[in-house]
Amino acid sequence: MSKRHSASAISCAPAAGPSTGVTATPPARQDAPQGLGEVGAARRDRRWTWFVLGASVLLALGIVAGVWTLWNRGAFAATGYPAPPADPDWSKAPVTEDERLCADFVKKKNAGDPAAAELLGRTPAVPSEPVSRVEADRLQTDYFLRQDVHIVGTRRGPTPGTLILSTKGVVRAPRLEVHEGDSASTEARAMYSPDLTVEVHDGKIFGVRPALGQ
């Protein structure tokens, strides 16, 4: 005799509805805050790298400047010529006897004191024979030192024992015959506010060469 299935044993599956084609997906994880944290850390790392690099460059420049200063002072000491003070205008704080003499000349010259001329060496004169370029420079500087100029600055020359007077005014030298090599020429030099290089011999100031003012 066959067994009958009771009504309670029959499970009714729900009827499938029409498919809409839409599949539900779980919401994505919110990782944005973590990503922003990584960007911030990267920026901090870059800033720290640039800070370390900048500090290293400044340290290197400081070392180079220190070595250069020590070497420069040693080079001046080796020549027996004093190293330049912090203020390049030596007339404000002269160190050597030559500087003190030239500083006195600057003071008297700018004050219009005729005694300034007494500190100068030979009185320049036009020679009857042609002169070399070096001698022409010396003569012309001697002329310029005696003219109506105002000395506006001083510094040491590139050659030990020479000093440079920066002037304000127009200067002129008489006509000279100058020979250079196998050629000779005539020149009457005129300059505006030249730098005059001088040197001291036997307590007197002598011209060395004029140059365009800086």
Protein backbone atom coordinates (compact mmCIF):
# COMPACT_ATOMS: atom_id res chain seq x y z
CA MET A 1 0.00 0.00 0.00
CA SER A 2 1.60 3.25 -1.08
CA LYS A 3 2.35 5.92 1.46
CA ARG A 4 0.56 9.12 1.10
CA HIS A 5 2.38 12.38 1.50
CA SER A 6 0.78 14.60 4.02
CA ALA A 7 -0.03 18.14 3.17
CA SER A 8 2.35 19.31 5.86
CA ALA A 9 5.28 17.51 4.29
CA ILE A 10 4.90 19.34 1.04
CA SER A 11 6.95 22.55 0.98
CA CYS A 12 5.87 25.20 -1.37
CA ALA A 13 8.71 27.11 -2.93
CA PRO A 14 7.88 30.71 -3.75
CA ALA A 15 7.29 31.36 -7.36
CA ALA A 16 10.11 33.12 -9.07
CA GLY A 17 9.21 36.58 -10.16
CA PRO A 18 10.19 38.16 -13.43
CA SER A 19 13.92 38.98 -13.73
CA THR A 20 14.74 42.72 -13.73
CA GLY A 21 18.45 42.35 -14.73
CA VAL A 22 19.65 44.30 -11.64
CA THR A 23 22.16 42.63 -9.32
CA ALA A 24 22.65 44.07 -5.87
CA THR A 25 26.31 44.55 -4.83
CA PRO A 26 27.66 45.29 -1.34
CA PRO A 27 28.87 48.87 -0.75
CA ALA A 28 32.61 49.51 -1.38
CA ARG A 29 34.94 50.01 1.58
CA GLN A 30 35.61 53.59 2.43
CA ASP A 31 39.46 53.77 2.15
CA ALA A 32 39.66 57.52 1.32
CA PRO A 33 40.84 58.59 4.79
CA GLN A 34 43.65 56.02 4.70
CA GLY A 35 44.72 57.25 1.23
CA LEU A 36 44.84 60.87 2.41
CA GLY A 37 47.01 59.82 5.30
CA GLU A 38 49.49 58.25 2.92
CA VAL A 39 49.61 61.43 0.80
CA GLY A 40 50.25 63.55 3.89
CA ALA A 41 53.05 61.26 5.00
CA ALA A 42 54.63 61.46 1.53
CA ARG A 43 54.48 65.26 1.66
CA ARG A 44 56.11 65.31 5.08
CA ASP A 45 58.86 63.04 3.80
CA ARG A 46 59.50 65.35 0.85
CA ARG A 47 59.61 68.43 3.08
CA TRP A 48 62.08 66.72 5.41
CA THR A 49 64.25 65.68 2.44
CA TRP A 50 64.40 69.25 1.14
CA PHE A 51 65.16 70.57 4.63
CA VAL A 52 68.08 68.16 5.04
CA LEU A 53 69.36 68.99 1.53
CA GLY A 54 69.19 72.74 2.17
CA ALA A 55 70.96 72.43 5.51
CA SER A 56 73.70 70.35 3.89
CA VAL A 57 74.23 72.95 1.15
CA LEU A 58 74.45 75.80 3.69
CA LEU A 59 76.93 73.82 5.77
CA ALA A 60 79.08 73.11 2.72
CA LEU A 61 79.06 76.79 1.71
CA GLY A 62 80.06 77.79 5.24
CA ILE A 63 83.00 75.38 5.20
CA VAL A 64 84.16 76.63 1.79
CA ALA A 65 83.93 80.28 2.94
CA GLY A 66 85.90 79.52 6.09
CA VAL A 67 88.64 77.68 4.21
CA TRP A 68 88.84 80.49 1.64
CA THR A 69 89.15 83.13 4.36
CA LEU A 70 91.91 81.24 6.15
CA TRP A 71 93.78 80.59 2.91
CA ASN A 72 93.42 84.21 1.80
CA ARG A 73 94.81 85.53 5.07
CA GLY A 74 97.66 83.04 4.87
CA ALA A 75 98.45 84.16 1.33
CA PHE A 76 98.67 87.80 2.42
CA ALA A 77 100.81 86.83 5.41
CA ALA A 78 103.20 84.92 3.13
CA THR A 79 103.83 88.11 1.11
CA GLY A 80 104.37 90.20 4.24
CA TYR A 81 101.43 92.42 3.26
CA PRO A 82 98.65 92.74 5.86
CA ALA A 83 95.35 91.10 5.07
CA PRO A 84 92.52 93.54 4.27
CA PRO A 85 90.38 94.48 7.27
CA ALA A 86 86.64 93.91 7.30
CA ASP A 87 86.17 97.47 6.01
CA PRO A 88 87.85 97.67 2.56
CA ASP A 89 88.23 101.46 2.90
CA TRP A 90 91.67 101.46 4.52
CA SER A 91 91.74 105.26 4.85
CA LYS A 92 89.29 104.94 7.77
CA ALA A 93 91.57 102.53 9.65
CA PRO A 94 95.05 102.57 8.10
CA VAL A 95 97.34 99.72 9.10
CA THR A 96 100.75 100.42 7.55
CA GLU A 97 102.85 103.60 7.45
CA ASP A 98 102.12 103.88 3.73
CA GLU A 99 98.39 103.73 4.41
CA ARG A 100 98.63 106.33 7.15
CA LEU A 101 100.51 108.68 4.80
CA CYS A 102 97.94 108.20 2.03
CA ALA A 103 95.06 108.59 4.50
CA ASP A 104 96.57 111.95 5.52
CA PHE A 105 96.77 112.92 1.84
CA VAL A 106 93.10 111.97 1.32
CA LYS A 107 92.03 114.06 4.30
CA LYS A 108 93.99 117.12 3.21
CA LYS A 109 93.08 116.76 -0.46
CA ASN A 110 89.35 116.61 0.26
CA ALA A 111 89.64 119.58 2.62
CA GLY A 112 91.36 121.67 -0.08
CA ASP A 113 94.50 121.95 2.02
CA PRO A 114 97.53 122.96 -0.14
CA ALA A 115 99.67 120.84 2.18
CA ALA A 116 98.32 117.76 0.39
CA ALA A 117 100.68 118.49 -2.52
CA GLU A 118 103.66 118.30 -0.16
CA LEU A 119 102.96 114.58 0.36
CA LEU A 120 103.34 113.85 -3.35
CA GLY A 121 106.62 112.79 -4.95
CA ARG A 122 108.19 114.16 -8.11
CA THR A 123 106.64 117.09 -9.91
CA PRO A 124 105.64 115.72 -13.33
CA ALA A 125 107.04 117.28 -16.47
CA VAL A 126 106.67 116.46 -20.15
CA PRO A 127 109.84 114.65 -21.27
CA SER A 128 111.57 115.59 -24.50
CA GLU A 129 111.87 111.95 -25.56
CA PRO A 130 109.09 109.40 -26.14
CA VAL A 131 108.25 107.36 -23.05
CA SER A 132 107.06 103.80 -22.53
CA ARG A 133 103.46 102.93 -21.72
CA VAL A 134 104.39 102.28 -18.09
CA GLU A 135 106.17 105.61 -17.72
CA ALA A 136 103.31 107.44 -19.44
CA ASP A 137 100.85 105.91 -16.96
CA ARG A 138 103.01 107.06 -14.05
CA LEU A 139 103.36 110.60 -15.36
CA GLN A 140 99.65 110.93 -16.12
CA THR A 141 98.72 109.69 -12.63
CA ASP A 142 101.11 112.21 -11.07
CA TYR A 143 99.35 114.97 -13.03
CA PHE A 144 95.89 113.74 -12.01
CA LEU A 145 96.79 113.62 -8.31
CA ARG A 146 97.48 117.37 -8.40
CA GLN A 147 94.20 118.36 -10.06
CA ASP A 148 90.85 119.34 -8.63
CA VAL A 149 89.36 115.97 -7.74
CA HIS A 150 87.59 114.65 -4.68
CA ILE A 151 88.62 111.25 -3.32
CA VAL A 152 85.46 109.25 -2.65
CA GLY A 153 86.90 105.85 -1.74
CA THR A 154 90.05 103.83 -1.22
CA ARG A 155 91.06 100.20 -1.46
CA ARG A 156 94.19 98.08 -1.76
CA GLY A 157 95.60 97.34 -5.19
CA PRO A 158 96.14 93.86 -6.63
CA THR A 159 99.91 94.21 -6.19
CA PRO A 160 101.25 94.35 -2.60
CA GLY A 161 102.31 97.89 -1.74
CA THR A 162 99.85 99.59 -4.11
CA LEU A 163 96.82 101.56 -3.01
CA ILE A 164 93.88 102.79 -5.10
CA LEU A 165 92.22 106.19 -4.74
CA SER A 166 88.76 106.46 -6.31
CA THR A 167 88.19 110.02 -7.44
CA LYS A 168 85.32 112.24 -8.53
CA GLY A 169 86.00 114.87 -11.19
CA VAL A 170 87.53 115.48 -14.62
CA VAL A 171 91.30 115.19 -15.07
CA ARG A 172 93.61 115.92 -18.00
CA ALA A 173 97.28 115.28 -18.73
CA PRO A 174 99.46 117.14 -21.26
CA ARG A 175 100.39 115.63 -24.59
CA LEU A 176 102.96 112.86 -24.40
CA GLU A 177 104.87 110.88 -27.01
CA VAL A 178 104.33 107.21 -26.11
CA HIS A 179 106.12 104.30 -27.76
CA GLU A 180 104.82 100.76 -27.51
CA GLY A 181 106.91 98.13 -29.27
CA ASP A 182 107.92 99.43 -32.70
CA SER A 183 105.20 102.09 -32.89
CA ALA A 184 104.84 105.52 -31.32
CA SER A 185 101.83 107.74 -30.81
CA THR A 186 100.89 111.06 -29.28
CA GLU A 187 98.20 111.20 -26.63
CA ALA A 188 96.69 113.82 -24.37
CA ARG A 189 94.78 111.78 -21.84
CA ALA A 190 91.55 113.00 -20.25
CA MET A 191 89.42 110.94 -17.87
CA TYR A 192 86.29 111.28 -15.75
CA SER A 193 86.44 110.09 -12.12
CA PRO A 194 89.35 107.65 -12.56
CA ASP A 195 90.73 105.18 -10.04
CA LEU A 196 94.33 106.21 -9.35
CA THR A 197 96.79 103.53 -8.25
CA VAL A 198 99.64 104.90 -6.14
CA GLU A 199 102.60 103.64 -4.14
CA VAL A 200 104.83 105.18 -1.48
CA HIS A 201 108.60 105.57 -1.70
CA ASP A 202 110.76 107.42 0.86
CA GLY A 203 107.73 108.97 2.52
CA LYS A 204 106.25 110.34 -0.71
CA ILE A 205 103.29 109.29 -2.87
CA PHE A 206 103.94 108.41 -6.52
CA GLY A 207 101.47 107.63 -9.27
CA VAL A 208 101.43 104.16 -10.83
CA ARG A 209 98.54 104.07 -13.29
CA PRO A 210 95.06 105.52 -13.89
CA ALA A 211 92.03 103.38 -14.75
CA LEU A 212 88.35 103.88 -15.39
CA GLY A 213 86.45 104.12 -12.13
CA GLN A 214 84.43 101.13 -10.99
